[in-house]
C-alpha atoms as a PDB file:
ATOM      1  CA  MET A   1       1.110  -4.168 -20.647  1.00  0.00           C
ATOM      2  CA  VAL A   2       1.439  -7.966 -18.754  1.00  0.00           C
ATOM      3  CA  ALA A   3       2.351  -7.691 -15.165  1.00  0.00           C
ATOM      4  CA  SER A   4       5.829  -8.200 -14.392  1.00  0.00           C
ATOM      5  CA  ILE A   5       7.154  -9.437 -11.143  1.00  0.00           C
ATOM      6  CA  LEU A   6       9.768  -7.533  -9.256  1.00  0.00           C
ATOM      7  CA  ALA A   7      12.882  -9.260  -7.536  1.00  0.00           C
ATOM      8  CA  ALA A   8      14.595  -6.365  -5.666  1.00  0.00           C
ATOM      9  CA  CYS A   9      13.752  -5.107  -2.090  1.00  0.00           C
ATOM     10  CA  GLY A  10      12.899  -1.260  -2.090  1.00  0.00           C
ATOM     11  CA  ILE A  11      11.599  -1.370  -5.776  1.00  0.00           C
ATOM     12  CA  GLY A  12       8.402  -3.353  -5.064  1.00  0.00           C
ATOM     13  CA  VAL A  13       6.488  -0.569  -3.609  1.00  0.00           C
ATOM     14  CA  GLY A  14       7.092   3.176  -2.714  1.00  0.00           C
ATOM     15  CA  ILE A  15       7.578   5.970  -4.896  1.00  0.00           C
ATOM     16  CA  GLY A  16      10.036   5.679  -7.922  1.00  0.00           C
ATOM     17  CA  TYR A  17      11.367   9.081  -8.474  1.00  0.00           C
ATOM     18  CA  ALA A  18      12.943  11.479  -6.872  1.00  0.00           C
ATOM     19  CA  VAL A  19      11.897  15.292  -7.309  1.00  0.00           C
ATOM     20  CA  HIS A  20      12.914  18.792  -6.050  1.00  0.00           C
ATOM     21  CA  GLY A  21      13.592  19.568  -2.272  1.00  0.00           C
ATOM     22  CA  THR A  22      15.916  18.064   0.319  1.00  0.00           C
ATOM     23  CA  SER A  23      16.579  15.000   2.150  1.00  0.00           C
ATOM     24  CA  THR A  24      17.984  13.981   5.357  1.00  0.00           C
ATOM     25  CA  THR A  25      18.830  10.487   6.388  1.00  0.00           C
ATOM     26  CA  LEU A  26      19.018   9.323  10.163  1.00  0.00           C
ATOM     27  CA  SER A  27      21.777   6.779  10.805  1.00  0.00           C
ATOM     28  CA  THR A  28      19.967   5.655  13.945  1.00  0.00           C
ATOM     29  CA  PRO A  29      16.710   6.726  14.939  1.00  0.00           C
ATOM     30  CA  PRO A  30      16.653   8.045  18.467  1.00  0.00           C
ATOM     31  CA  ARG A  31      14.370   7.024  21.095  1.00  0.00           C
ATOM     32  CA  ASN A  32      14.530  10.522  23.073  1.00  0.00           C
ATOM     33  CA  PRO A  33      13.572  13.166  20.343  1.00  0.00           C
ATOM     34  CA  ALA A  34      15.152  15.982  22.735  1.00  0.00           C
ATOM     35  CA  ALA A  35      18.302  14.542  21.872  1.00  0.00           C
ATOM     36  CA  THR A  36      18.398  15.988  18.674  1.00  0.00           C
ATOM     37  CA  GLY A  37      16.359  19.050  19.488  1.00  0.00           C
ATOM     38  CA  GLY A  38      12.574  17.616  18.958  1.00  0.00           C
ATOM     39  CA  SER A  39      10.353  18.216  21.472  1.00  0.00           C
ATOM     40  CA  PRO A  40       9.232  15.168  23.670  1.00  0.00           C
ATOM     41  CA  SER A  41       5.774  16.413  23.885  1.00  0.00           C
ATOM     42  CA  GLY A  42       5.571  17.204  20.224  1.00  0.00           C
ATOM     43  CA  GLY A  43       4.972  20.461  18.664  1.00  0.00           C
ATOM     44  CA  GLY A  44       8.646  21.966  19.076  1.00  0.00           C
ATOM     45  CA  ALA A  45      10.466  20.506  16.476  1.00  0.00           C
ATOM     46  CA  THR A  46      11.616  22.920  14.008  1.00  0.00           C
ATOM     47  CA  SER A  47      14.408  21.489  11.663  1.00  0.00           C
ATOM     48  CA  VAL A  48      13.920  18.875   9.035  1.00  0.00           C
ATOM     49  CA  PRO A  49      16.401  16.268  11.144  1.00  0.00           C
ATOM     50  CA  ALA A  50      14.462  16.939  14.694  1.00  0.00           C
ATOM     51  CA  ILE A  51      11.295  16.457  12.939  1.00  0.00           C
ATOM     52  CA  ALA A  52      12.214  13.088  11.831  1.00  0.00           C
ATOM     53  CA  ALA A  53      13.925  12.160  15.263  1.00  0.00           C
ATOM     54  CA  GLU A  54      10.664  12.908  16.713  1.00  0.00           C
ATOM     55  CA  ILE A  55       8.525  10.872  14.862  1.00  0.00           C
ATOM     56  CA  ALA A  56      10.898   7.816  13.695  1.00  0.00           C
ATOM     57  CA  PRO A  57      10.172   5.590  16.606  1.00  0.00           C
ATOM     58  CA  GLU A  58       6.604   5.835  15.963  1.00  0.00           C
ATOM     59  CA  LEU A  59       7.162   4.129  12.348  1.00  0.00           C
ATOM     60  CA  VAL A  60       7.475   0.609  10.786  1.00  0.00           C
ATOM     61  CA  ASN A  61       9.253  -0.517   8.100  1.00  0.00           C
ATOM     62  CA  ILE A  62       7.347  -2.912   6.003  1.00  0.00           C
ATOM     63  CA  ASN A  63       8.607  -5.864   4.251  1.00  0.00           C
ATOM     64  CA  THR A  64       6.724  -7.558   1.994  1.00  0.00           C
ATOM     65  CA  THR A  65       7.062 -11.211  -0.223  1.00  0.00           C
ATOM     66  CA  PHE A  66       5.072 -11.375  -3.288  1.00  0.00           C
ATOM     67  CA  ALA A  67       3.868 -14.526  -5.520  1.00  0.00           C
ATOM     68  CA  TYR A  68       4.780 -17.029  -3.148  1.00  0.00           C
ATOM     69  CA  GLU A  69       8.365 -15.809  -2.724  1.00  0.00           C
ATOM     70  CA  THR A  70       9.573 -14.830  -6.036  1.00  0.00           C
ATOM     71  CA  ALA A  71       9.506 -11.220  -5.270  1.00  0.00           C
ATOM     72  CA  GLN A  72      10.058  -8.711  -2.389  1.00  0.00           C
ATOM     73  CA  GLY A  73       9.145  -5.222  -1.498  1.00  0.00           C
ATOM     74  CA  ALA A  74       9.510  -2.583   1.051  1.00  0.00           C
ATOM     75  CA  GLY A  75       7.139   0.523   2.415  1.00  0.00           C
ATOM     76  CA  THR A  76       6.683   2.227   5.513  1.00  0.00           C
ATOM     77  CA  GLY A  77       3.739   2.312   8.269  1.00  0.00           C
ATOM     78  CA  MET A  78       2.539   4.509  11.121  1.00  0.00           C
ATOM     79  CA  VAL A  79       2.055   2.947  14.527  1.00  0.00           C
ATOM     80  CA  VAL A  80      -1.640   4.271  15.735  1.00  0.00           C
ATOM     81  CA  THR A  81      -2.265   2.087  18.858  1.00  0.00           C
ATOM     82  CA  SER A  82       0.281   0.811  21.313  1.00  0.00           C
ATOM     83  CA  SER A  83      -0.609  -2.671  20.569  1.00  0.00           C
ATOM     84  CA  GLY A  84       0.450  -2.352  17.100  1.00  0.00           C
ATOM     85  CA  ARG A  85      -2.143  -1.288  14.961  1.00  0.00           C
ATOM     86  CA  VAL A  86      -0.305   0.284  11.669  1.00  0.00           C
ATOM     87  CA  ILE A  87      -1.859   2.548   8.820  1.00  0.00           C
ATOM     88  CA  THR A  88       0.022   2.256   5.407  1.00  0.00           C
ATOM     89  CA  ASN A  89      -0.961   2.562   1.961  1.00  0.00           C
ATOM     90  CA  ASN A  90      -3.066  -0.343   0.261  1.00  0.00           C
ATOM     91  CA  HIS A  91      -0.389  -0.874  -2.751  1.00  0.00           C
ATOM     92  CA  VAL A  92       2.180  -1.437  -0.190  1.00  0.00           C
ATOM     93  CA  ILE A  93       0.609  -4.820   0.829  1.00  0.00           C
ATOM     94  CA  ASP A  94      -1.694  -5.676  -2.084  1.00  0.00           C
ATOM     95  CA  GLY A  95      -0.577  -8.753  -3.615  1.00  0.00           C
ATOM     96  CA  ALA A  96       1.712  -9.807  -0.474  1.00  0.00           C
ATOM     97  CA  THR A  97       1.835 -13.651   0.753  1.00  0.00           C
ATOM     98  CA  THR A  98       3.885 -12.519   3.696  1.00  0.00           C
ATOM     99  CA  ILE A  99       3.786  -9.273   5.661  1.00  0.00           C
ATOM    100  CA  THR A 100       6.807  -8.332   8.275  1.00  0.00           C
ATOM    101  CA  ALA A 101       7.304  -4.904  10.084  1.00  0.00           C
ATOM    102  CA  THR A 102      10.321  -3.722  12.157  1.00  0.00           C
ATOM    103  CA  ASP A 103       9.415  -0.959  14.863  1.00  0.00           C
ATOM    104  CA  LEU A 104      12.001   1.874  14.659  1.00  0.00           C
ATOM    105  CA  GLY A 105      11.149   2.577  18.267  1.00  0.00           C
ATOM    106  CA  ASN A 106      12.141  -1.144  19.747  1.00  0.00           C
ATOM    107  CA  GLY A 107      13.923  -2.374  16.818  1.00  0.00           C
ATOM    108  CA  LYS A 108      11.679  -5.826  16.993  1.00  0.00           C
ATOM    109  CA  THR A 109      10.483  -7.317  13.934  1.00  0.00           C
ATOM    110  CA  TYR A 110       6.721  -8.688  13.868  1.00  0.00           C
ATOM    111  CA  ASP A 111       4.686 -10.744  11.735  1.00  0.00           C
ATOM    112  CA  ALA A 112       1.531  -8.421  10.677  1.00  0.00           C
ATOM    113  CA  SER A 113      -1.828  -9.590   9.562  1.00  0.00           C
ATOM    114  CA  VAL A 114      -4.242  -7.565   7.329  1.00  0.00           C
ATOM    115  CA  VAL A 115      -7.100  -6.108   9.397  1.00  0.00           C
ATOM    116  CA  GLY A 116      -8.720  -4.614   6.314  1.00  0.00           C
ATOM    117  CA  TYR A 117      -7.819  -2.234   3.276  1.00  0.00           C
ATOM    118  CA  ASP A 118      -9.439   0.235   0.828  1.00  0.00           C
ATOM    119  CA  ALA A 119      -8.295   0.216  -2.301  1.00  0.00           C
ATOM    120  CA  ALA A 120     -10.034   2.921  -3.608  1.00  0.00           C
ATOM    121  CA  ASP A 121      -8.412   5.454  -1.231  1.00  0.00           C
ATOM    122  CA  ASP A 122      -4.953   3.279  -1.017  1.00  0.00           C
ATOM    123  CA  VAL A 123      -5.327   2.804   2.654  1.00  0.00           C
ATOM    124  CA  ALA A 124      -4.678  -0.413   4.712  1.00  0.00           C
ATOM    125  CA  VAL A 125      -4.637  -1.348   8.281  1.00  0.00           C
ATOM    126  CA  LEU A 126      -1.945  -4.143   9.714  1.00  0.00           C
ATOM    127  CA  GLN A 127      -1.603  -5.719  13.070  1.00  0.00           C
ATOM    128  CA  LEU A 128       1.353  -6.430  14.376  1.00  0.00           C
ATOM    129  CA  ASN A 129       1.137  -9.612  16.176  1.00  0.00           C
ATOM    130  CA  GLY A 130       2.306  -9.807  19.708  1.00  0.00           C
ATOM    131  CA  ALA A 131       3.364  -6.113  19.821  1.00  0.00           C
ATOM    132  CA  THR A 132       2.690  -3.891  23.132  1.00  0.00           C
ATOM    133  CA  GLY A 133       3.794  -0.940  24.508  1.00  0.00           C
ATOM    134  CA  LEU A 134       4.667   0.752  21.115  1.00  0.00           C
ATOM    135  CA  PRO A 135       4.689   4.573  20.738  1.00  0.00           C
ATOM    136  CA  THR A 136       2.320   6.279  18.505  1.00  0.00           C
ATOM    137  CA  VAL A 137       2.170   9.028  15.837  1.00  0.00           C
ATOM    138  CA  THR A 138      -0.052  12.019  16.528  1.00  0.00           C
ATOM    139  CA  PHE A 139      -2.121  13.810  13.872  1.00  0.00           C
ATOM    140  CA  ALA A 140      -2.625  17.312  13.188  1.00  0.00           C
ATOM    141  CA  GLY A 141      -5.483  19.477  14.475  1.00  0.00           C
ATOM    142  CA  SER A 142      -5.886  20.828  11.004  1.00  0.00           C
ATOM    143  CA  SER A 143      -5.535  19.985   7.140  1.00  0.00           C
ATOM    144  CA  ALA A 144      -2.709  20.828   4.889  1.00  0.00           C
ATOM    145  CA  ARG A 145      -2.903  24.568   3.268  1.00  0.00           C
ATOM    146  CA  LEU A 146      -1.016  25.520   0.136  1.00  0.00           C
ATOM    147  CA  GLY A 147       2.527  26.656   0.813  1.00  0.00           C
ATOM    148  CA  ASP A 148       2.608  24.910   3.987  1.00  0.00           C
ATOM    149  CA  THR A 149       6.011  23.325   4.897  1.00  0.00           C
ATOM    150  CA  VAL A 150       6.136  19.558   5.014  1.00  0.00           C
ATOM    151  CA  VAL A 151       8.410  16.728   5.750  1.00  0.00           C
ATOM    152  CA  ALA A 152       7.904  13.235   4.358  1.00  0.00           C
ATOM    153  CA  ILE A 153       9.486  10.295   6.343  1.00  0.00           C
ATOM    154  CA  GLY A 154       9.898   6.617   5.507  1.00  0.00           C
ATOM    155  CA  ASN A 155      11.986   3.641   4.578  1.00  0.00           C
ATOM    156  CA  ALA A 156      13.779   5.283   1.396  1.00  0.00           C
ATOM    157  CA  GLY A 157      14.827   2.909  -1.155  1.00  0.00           C
ATOM    158  CA  GLY A 158      14.135   0.171   1.349  1.00  0.00           C
ATOM    159  CA  ARG A 159      17.534   0.638   3.054  1.00  0.00           C
ATOM    160  CA  GLY A 160      15.805   0.226   6.604  1.00  0.00           C
ATOM    161  CA  THR A 161      16.983   3.872   7.558  1.00  0.00           C
ATOM    162  CA  PRO A 162      14.279   6.401   7.919  1.00  0.00           C
ATOM    163  CA  THR A 163      14.836   9.260   5.202  1.00  0.00           C
ATOM    164  CA  ALA A 164      13.389  12.629   5.751  1.00  0.00           C
ATOM    165  CA  ALA A 165      12.506  14.874   2.821  1.00  0.00           C
ATOM    166  CA  ALA A 166      11.257  18.457   3.202  1.00  0.00           C
ATOM    167  CA  GLY A 167       9.172  20.481   0.850  1.00  0.00           C
ATOM    168  CA  VAL A 168       5.884  22.654   0.406  1.00  0.00           C
ATOM    169  CA  VAL A 169       2.478  21.745  -0.316  1.00  0.00           C
ATOM    170  CA  THR A 170       2.010  22.583  -3.988  1.00  0.00           C
ATOM    171  CA  GLY A 171      -1.224  21.507  -4.633  1.00  0.00           C
ATOM    172  CA  LEU A 172      -4.672  20.084  -3.176  1.00  0.00           C
ATOM    173  CA  ASN A 173      -7.672  17.704  -4.329  1.00  0.00           C
ATOM    174  CA  GLN A 174      -5.182  16.334  -6.751  1.00  0.00           C
ATOM    175  CA  THR A 175      -6.409  13.580  -9.036  1.00  0.00           C
ATOM    176  CA  ILE A 176      -4.209  10.808 -10.338  1.00  0.00           C
ATOM    177  CA  THR A 177      -4.135   7.233 -11.880  1.00  0.00           C
ATOM    178  CA  ALA A 178      -1.910   4.563 -11.029  1.00  0.00           C
ATOM    179  CA  GLN A 179      -1.696   1.211 -12.403  1.00  0.00           C
ATOM    180  CA  SER A 180      -0.585  -2.053 -10.160  1.00  0.00           C
ATOM    181  CA  GLU A 181       1.711  -4.288 -12.608  1.00  0.00           C
ATOM    182  CA  LEU A 182       0.736  -7.343 -10.054  1.00  0.00           C
ATOM    183  CA  SER A 183      -2.810  -7.372 -11.022  1.00  0.00           C
ATOM    184  CA  GLY A 184      -3.356  -5.549 -14.097  1.00  0.00           C
ATOM    185  CA  THR A 185      -5.800  -3.104 -12.453  1.00  0.00           C
ATOM    186  CA  THR A 186      -5.970   0.944 -12.512  1.00  0.00           C
ATOM    187  CA  GLU A 187      -6.700   2.988  -9.494  1.00  0.00           C
ATOM    188  CA  HIS A 188      -7.900   6.589  -9.636  1.00  0.00           C
ATOM    189  CA  LEU A 189      -6.954   8.501  -6.504  1.00  0.00           C
ATOM    190  CA  ILE A 190      -8.572  11.619  -5.674  1.00  0.00           C
ATOM    191  CA  GLY A 191      -8.352  14.538  -3.331  1.00  0.00           C
ATOM    192  CA  LEU A 192      -4.457  14.102  -2.881  1.00  0.00           C
ATOM    193  CA  ILE A 193      -2.124  16.392  -0.847  1.00  0.00           C
ATOM    194  CA  GLU A 194       0.739  17.199  -3.721  1.00  0.00           C
ATOM    195  CA  THR A 195       4.143  18.178  -2.689  1.00  0.00           C
ATOM    196  CA  ASN A 196       7.647  19.038  -3.946  1.00  0.00           C
ATOM    197  CA  ALA A 197       9.310  17.164  -1.171  1.00  0.00           C
ATOM    198  CA  ALA A 198      11.874  14.649  -2.751  1.00  0.00           C
ATOM    199  CA  ILE A 199      10.100  11.646  -1.785  1.00  0.00           C
ATOM    200  CA  GLU A 200      11.897   8.293  -2.784  1.00  0.00           C
ATOM    201  CA  ALA A 201      10.878   4.610  -3.009  1.00  0.00           C
ATOM    202  CA  GLY A 202       9.889   2.936  -0.146  1.00  0.00           C
ATOM    203  CA  GLN A 203       8.478   5.889   1.458  1.00  0.00           C
ATOM    204  CA  SER A 204       5.191   4.690   0.522  1.00  0.00           C
ATOM    205  CA  GLY A 205       2.987   4.579   3.716  1.00  0.00           C
ATOM    206  CA  GLY A 206       4.656   6.865   5.615  1.00  0.00           C
ATOM    207  CA  PRO A 207       3.906  10.102   7.249  1.00  0.00           C
ATOM    208  CA  LEU A 208       3.986  13.547   5.645  1.00  0.00           C
ATOM    209  CA  VAL A 209       4.114  15.628   8.668  1.00  0.00           C
ATOM    210  CA  ASN A 210       3.960  19.542   9.389  1.00  0.00           C
ATOM    211  CA  GLY A 211       6.465  21.473  11.051  1.00  0.00           C
ATOM    212  CA  ASN A 212       5.506  20.283  14.616  1.00  0.00           C
ATOM    213  CA  ALA A 213       5.623  16.767  13.436  1.00  0.00           C
ATOM    214  CA  ARG A 214       2.105  16.170  13.461  1.00  0.00           C
ATOM    215  CA  VAL A 215       0.890  13.947  10.768  1.00  0.00           C
ATOM    216  CA  VAL A 216      -1.212  15.744   7.780  1.00  0.00           C
ATOM    217  CA  GLY A 217      -1.272  12.786   5.351  1.00  0.00           C
ATOM    218  CA  MET A 218       0.099   9.605   4.095  1.00  0.00           C
ATOM    219  CA  VAL A 219       2.583   9.253   1.314  1.00  0.00           C
ATOM    220  CA  THR A 220       1.483   7.649  -1.812  1.00  0.00           C
ATOM    221  CA  ALA A 221       2.382   7.605  -5.369  1.00  0.00           C
ATOM    222  CA  GLY A 222       3.819   5.598  -8.230  1.00  0.00           C
ATOM    223  CA  SER A 223       6.502   2.701  -8.409  1.00  0.00           C
ATOM    224  CA  SER A 224       7.987  -0.140 -10.181  1.00  0.00           C
ATOM    225  CA  ASN A 225       4.510  -1.868  -9.479  1.00  0.00           C
ATOM    226  CA  PHE A 226       2.441   1.094  -8.839  1.00  0.00           C
ATOM    227  CA  THR A 227       2.725   3.298 -11.681  1.00  0.00           C
ATOM    228  CA  PHE A 228       1.299   6.749 -12.904  1.00  0.00           C
ATOM    229  CA  SER A 229      -0.550   6.653 -16.290  1.00  0.00           C
ATOM    230  CA  GLN A 230       0.764  10.164 -16.657  1.00  0.00           C
ATOM    231  CA  SER A 231       4.233  11.585 -16.212  1.00  0.00           C
ATOM    232  CA  SER A 232       4.696  13.332 -12.726  1.00  0.00           C
ATOM    233  CA  SER A 233       7.427  15.475 -10.990  1.00  0.00           C
ATOM    234  CA  ARG A 234       5.585  15.683  -7.714  1.00  0.00           C
ATOM    235  CA  GLY A 235       5.087  13.214  -4.593  1.00  0.00           C
ATOM    236  CA  TYR A 236       1.529  12.927  -3.153  1.00  0.00           C
ATOM    237  CA  ALA A 237      -0.221  12.052  -0.104  1.00  0.00           C
ATOM    238  CA  VAL A 238      -3.595  10.982   1.310  1.00  0.00           C
ATOM    239  CA  PRO A 239      -4.944  13.700   3.706  1.00  0.00           C
ATOM    240  CA  ALA A 240      -5.191  12.443   7.298  1.00  0.00           C
ATOM    241  CA  THR A 241      -8.888  13.576   7.122  1.00  0.00           C
ATOM    242  CA  THR A 242      -9.541  11.220   4.108  1.00  0.00           C
ATOM    243  CA  PHE A 243      -7.975   8.092   5.207  1.00  0.00           C
ATOM    244  CA  ARG A 244      -8.699   8.170   9.401  1.00  0.00           C
ATOM    245  CA  PRO A 245     -12.159   7.797   8.892  1.00  0.00           C
ATOM    246  CA  VAL A 246     -11.581   4.853   6.403  1.00  0.00           C
ATOM    247  CA  VAL A 247      -9.515   3.524   9.091  1.00  0.00           C
ATOM    248  CA  SER A 248     -12.137   3.541  11.681  1.00  0.00           C
ATOM    249  CA  ASP A 249     -14.468   1.702   9.255  1.00  0.00           C
ATOM    250  CA  ILE A 250     -11.428  -0.843   9.310  1.00  0.00           C
ATOM    251  CA  VAL A 251     -11.132  -0.994  12.864  1.00  0.00           C
ATOM    252  CA  ASN A 252     -14.888  -1.302  13.318  1.00  0.00           C
ATOM    253  CA  GLY A 253     -15.735  -4.128  10.821  1.00  0.00           C
ATOM    254  CA  ASN A 254     -17.832  -1.984   8.753  1.00  0.00           C
ATOM    255  CA  GLU A 255     -17.301  -3.433   5.208  1.00  0.00           C
ATOM    256  CA  SER A 256     -18.637  -1.566   2.069  1.00  0.00           C
ATOM    257  CA  ILE A 257     -18.253  -1.192  -1.803  1.00  0.00           C
ATOM    258  CA  ASN A 258     -14.513   0.037  -0.832  1.00  0.00           C
ATOM    259  CA  VAL A 259     -13.748  -1.574   2.542  1.00  0.00           C
ATOM    260  CA  HIS A 260     -12.723  -4.925   2.616  1.00  0.00           C
ATOM    261  CA  ILE A 261     -12.387  -6.738   6.411  1.00  0.00           C
ATOM    262  CA  GLY A 262      -9.623  -8.952   6.760  1.00  0.00           C
ATOM    263  CA  PRO A 263      -7.430 -11.158   4.479  1.00  0.00           C
ATOM    264  CA  THR A 264      -8.066 -11.044   0.699  1.00  0.00           C
ATOM    265  CA  ALA A 265      -9.731 -14.178  -1.052  1.00  0.00           C
ATOM    266  CA  PHE A 266      -6.841 -15.449  -3.580  1.00  0.00           C
ATOM    267  CA  LEU A 267      -7.805 -17.263  -6.746  1.00  0.00           C
ATOM    268  CA  GLY A 268      -3.979 -17.430  -7.930  1.00  0.00           C
ATOM    269  CA  VAL A 269      -3.770 -15.936 -11.594  1.00  0.00           C
ATOM    270  CA  ARG A 270      -2.028 -13.070 -13.126  1.00  0.00           C
ATOM    271  CA  VAL A 271      -3.862 -11.029 -15.923  1.00  0.00           C
ATOM    272  CA  THR A 272      -3.713  -8.479 -18.365  1.00  0.00           C
ATOM    273  CA  SER A 273      -6.276  -6.824 -20.575  1.00  0.00           C
ATOM    274  CA  VAL A 274      -7.102  -7.773 -24.105  1.00  0.00           C
ATOM    275  CA  GLN A 275      -9.336  -6.045 -26.660  1.00  0.00           C
ATOM    276  CA  GLN A 276     -11.853  -8.843 -26.125  1.00  0.00           C
ATOM    277  CA  PRO A 277     -14.007  -8.536 -23.222  1.00  0.00           C
ATOM    278  CA  GLY A 278     -12.364 -10.621 -19.842  1.00  0.00           C
ATOM    279  CA  ALA A 279      -9.115 -10.510 -18.110  1.00  0.00           C
ATOM    280  CA  LEU A 280      -6.499 -12.689 -19.932  1.00  0.00           C
ATOM    281  CA  VAL A 281      -4.591 -15.217 -17.887  1.00  0.00           C
ATOM    282  CA  VAL A 282      -0.921 -14.921 -17.870  1.00  0.00           C
ATOM    283  CA  GLN A 283       0.510 -17.116 -15.250  1.00  0.00           C
ATOM    284  CA  VAL A 284      -1.495 -19.438 -12.793  1.00  0.00           C
ATOM    285  CA  VAL A 285       0.365 -20.044  -9.367  1.00  0.00           C
ATOM    286  CA  ALA A 286       1.376 -23.453  -8.782  1.00  0.00           C
ATOM    287  CA  ALA A 287      -1.064 -25.349  -6.128  1.00  0.00           C
ATOM    288  CA  SER A 288      -3.579 -22.340  -6.243  1.00  0.00           C
ATOM    289  CA  PRO A 289      -7.111 -22.488  -6.353  1.00  0.00           C
ATOM    290  CA  ALA A 290      -7.208 -21.687 -10.265  1.00  0.00           C
ATOM    291  CA  ALA A 291      -4.551 -24.312 -10.767  1.00  0.00           C
ATOM    292  CA  LEU A 292      -6.651 -26.653  -8.844  1.00  0.00           C
ATOM    293  CA  ALA A 293      -9.266 -25.807 -10.971  1.00  0.00           C
ATOM    294  CA  GLY A 294      -7.627 -26.558 -14.171  1.00  0.00           C
ATOM    295  CA  VAL A 295      -7.421 -22.873 -15.015  1.00  0.00           C
ATOM    296  CA  LEU A 296      -4.407 -22.270 -17.491  1.00  0.00           C
ATOM    297  CA  PRO A 297      -2.415 -19.514 -18.893  1.00  0.00           C
ATOM    298  CA  GLY A 298      -3.916 -18.403 -22.214  1.00  0.00           C
ATOM    299  CA  ASP A 299      -7.559 -18.698 -20.883  1.00  0.00           C
ATOM    300  CA  ARG A 300      -9.714 -15.533 -21.019  1.00  0.00           C
ATOM    301  CA  ILE A 301     -11.501 -15.222 -17.762  1.00  0.00           C
ATOM    302  CA  VAL A 302     -15.238 -13.814 -18.934  1.00  0.00           C
ATOM    303  CA  GLY A 303     -17.154 -14.616 -15.692  1.00  0.00           C
ATOM    304  CA  ILE A 304     -16.943 -15.072 -12.083  1.00  0.00           C
ATOM    305  CA  ALA A 305     -19.262 -15.734  -8.914  1.00  0.00           C
ATOM    306  CA  GLY A 306     -22.091 -15.309 -12.171  1.00  0.00           C
ATOM    307  CA  GLN A 307     -21.113 -12.024 -12.798  1.00  0.00           C
ATOM    308  CA  THR A 308     -19.646 -10.882 -16.053  1.00  0.00           C
ATOM    309  CA  VAL A 309     -15.887 -10.117 -16.250  1.00  0.00           C
ATOM    310  CA  ARG A 310     -15.034  -7.673 -18.741  1.00  0.00           C
ATOM    311  CA  SER A 311     -11.334  -6.533 -17.595  1.00  0.00           C
ATOM    312  CA  PRO A 312      -8.899  -7.080 -15.005  1.00  0.00           C
ATOM    313  CA  GLU A 313     -10.475  -4.192 -12.822  1.00  0.00           C
ATOM    314  CA  THR A 314     -14.229  -6.128 -12.772  1.00  0.00           C
ATOM    315  CA  LEU A 315     -12.362  -9.864 -11.707  1.00  0.00           C
ATOM    316  CA  ALA A 316     -10.699  -7.822  -8.930  1.00  0.00           C
ATOM    317  CA  SER A 317     -13.507  -5.750  -7.736  1.00  0.00           C
ATOM    318  CA  VAL A 318     -15.692  -8.782  -7.566  1.00  0.00           C
ATOM    319  CA  LEU A 319     -12.629 -10.941  -5.636  1.00  0.00           C
ATOM    320  CA  ALA A 320     -12.671  -8.043  -3.255  1.00  0.00           C
ATOM    321  CA  THR A 321     -16.024  -9.116  -1.954  1.00  0.00           C
ATOM    322  CA  TYR A 322     -15.200 -12.656  -1.309  1.00  0.00           C
ATOM    323  CA  HIS A 323     -13.312 -14.052   1.721  1.00  0.00           C
ATOM    324  CA  PRO A 324     -11.006 -17.277   2.067  1.00  0.00           C
ATOM    325  CA  GLY A 325     -13.203 -20.352   2.002  1.00  0.00           C
ATOM    326  CA  ALA A 326     -15.776 -19.348  -0.728  1.00  0.00           C
ATOM    327  CA  GLN A 327     -16.523 -21.517  -3.467  1.00  0.00           C
ATOM    328  CA  ILE A 328     -17.318 -19.850  -6.656  1.00  0.00           C
ATOM    329  CA  GLN A 329     -17.544 -20.427 -10.409  1.00  0.00           C
ATOM    330  CA  VAL A 330     -15.059 -19.400 -13.015  1.00  0.00           C
ATOM    331  CA  ARG A 331     -16.300 -19.063 -16.560  1.00  0.00           C
ATOM    332  CA  LEU A 332     -13.371 -19.306 -19.196  1.00  0.00           C
ATOM    333  CA  VAL A 333     -12.968 -19.272 -22.855  1.00  0.00           C
ATOM    334  CA  ASN A 334      -9.653 -20.815 -24.208  1.00  0.00           C
ATOM    335  CA  GLN A 335      -7.566 -20.167 -26.948  1.00  0.00           C
ATOM    336  CA  SER A 336      -9.402 -21.958 -29.175  1.00  0.00           C
ATOM    337  CA  GLY A 337     -12.574 -20.113 -28.505  1.00  0.00           C
ATOM    338  CA  VAL A 338     -14.224 -22.981 -26.430  1.00  0.00           C
ATOM    339  CA  GLN A 339     -16.130 -21.822 -23.158  1.00  0.00           C
ATOM    340  CA  ARG A 340     -15.945 -23.970 -20.216  1.00  0.00           C
ATOM    341  CA  THR A 341     -16.991 -23.490 -16.286  1.00  0.00           C
ATOM    342  CA  ALA A 342     -14.317 -24.312 -13.361  1.00  0.00           C
ATOM    343  CA  THR A 343     -15.227 -24.471  -9.596  1.00  0.00           C
ATOM    344  CA  ALA A 344     -12.502 -22.989  -7.452  1.00  0.00           C
ATOM    345  CA  THR A 345     -12.297 -22.956  -3.420  1.00  0.00           C
ATOM    346  CA  LEU A 346     -10.719 -19.288  -2.678  1.00  0.00           C
ATOM    347  CA  VAL A 347      -7.995 -19.580  -0.128  1.00  0.00           C
ATOM    348  CA  SER A 348      -6.022 -16.339   1.886  1.00  0.00           C
ATOM    349  CA  GLY A 349      -3.610 -14.525   0.030  1.00  0.00           C
ATOM    350  CA  PRO A 350      -3.187 -11.854  -2.778  1.00  0.00           C
ATOM    351  CA  PRO A 351      -6.234 -10.236  -4.547  1.00  0.00           C
ATOM    352  CA  ALA A 352      -6.065 -12.322  -7.874  1.00  0.00           C
END
């Protein structure tokens, strides 16, 4: 299916369904957790509102612009350093041309830059520019177990007000397949926590916490531009034991096959799968490297940087190894079957 650009804030990212459980909306996230029954030192929160109140000031609402201001999205992030380092899902920021984050503890909005990401594990690290003195999330000392009570908290519906959804852990080590409508690529996410908490769109990237408001996972699942290939009535989260080592690699600059450090190299095309090998160009962003190189809608990309392109996934994986400023050769076949080669100088932006 050809990728579709979304235009409504709150449906661009996050989870696009509600499942069994209960949810609580906080009208104003309190800065003192003790005011609503939580424990200032953590570990004392027992009710859903108290748990949400305790962790809400340690979160950010993430707002993104895609495809050069033609679409918007919203998600959630967890603050992990007082200087503004934030963890979120890669699919929350994947394809974004601008990213801002509003800290729920102080109400300030910051421009955010991408430190790095791992698409395979759906993890990204952001830096809030100019942030200082932010409260940070606390991680659980043990992994989630079947039957554990958990609470998912985040920017439900992109409304800007944190919502807490309670449930239990219904599965471990789950595998799902999701497709990005923006890039046309698919991702196979493994080792996930499954929960029946009533997760909503916009909570992607937010914490899944235990009854003591300690983070055991990061909410991730399908949305309007990140959809499951199979039907699902459950929510999923990346275990903290999975994403914390990834975050460490990103922060320490340890680039690998899966870990990309810094901003993405941008070519400026939207592509889709076809029966023939390659990635069919369905849109070329104006003034992008692709446009300047003469790439046209209807062209089929069959090679890039000396490597054969057999699918949109191949194109994305090759581009992910490059950084802005790199000059690459793009091998194309037009609608008449004529092959040609174009030279493009990549810039900073979304991953295609």
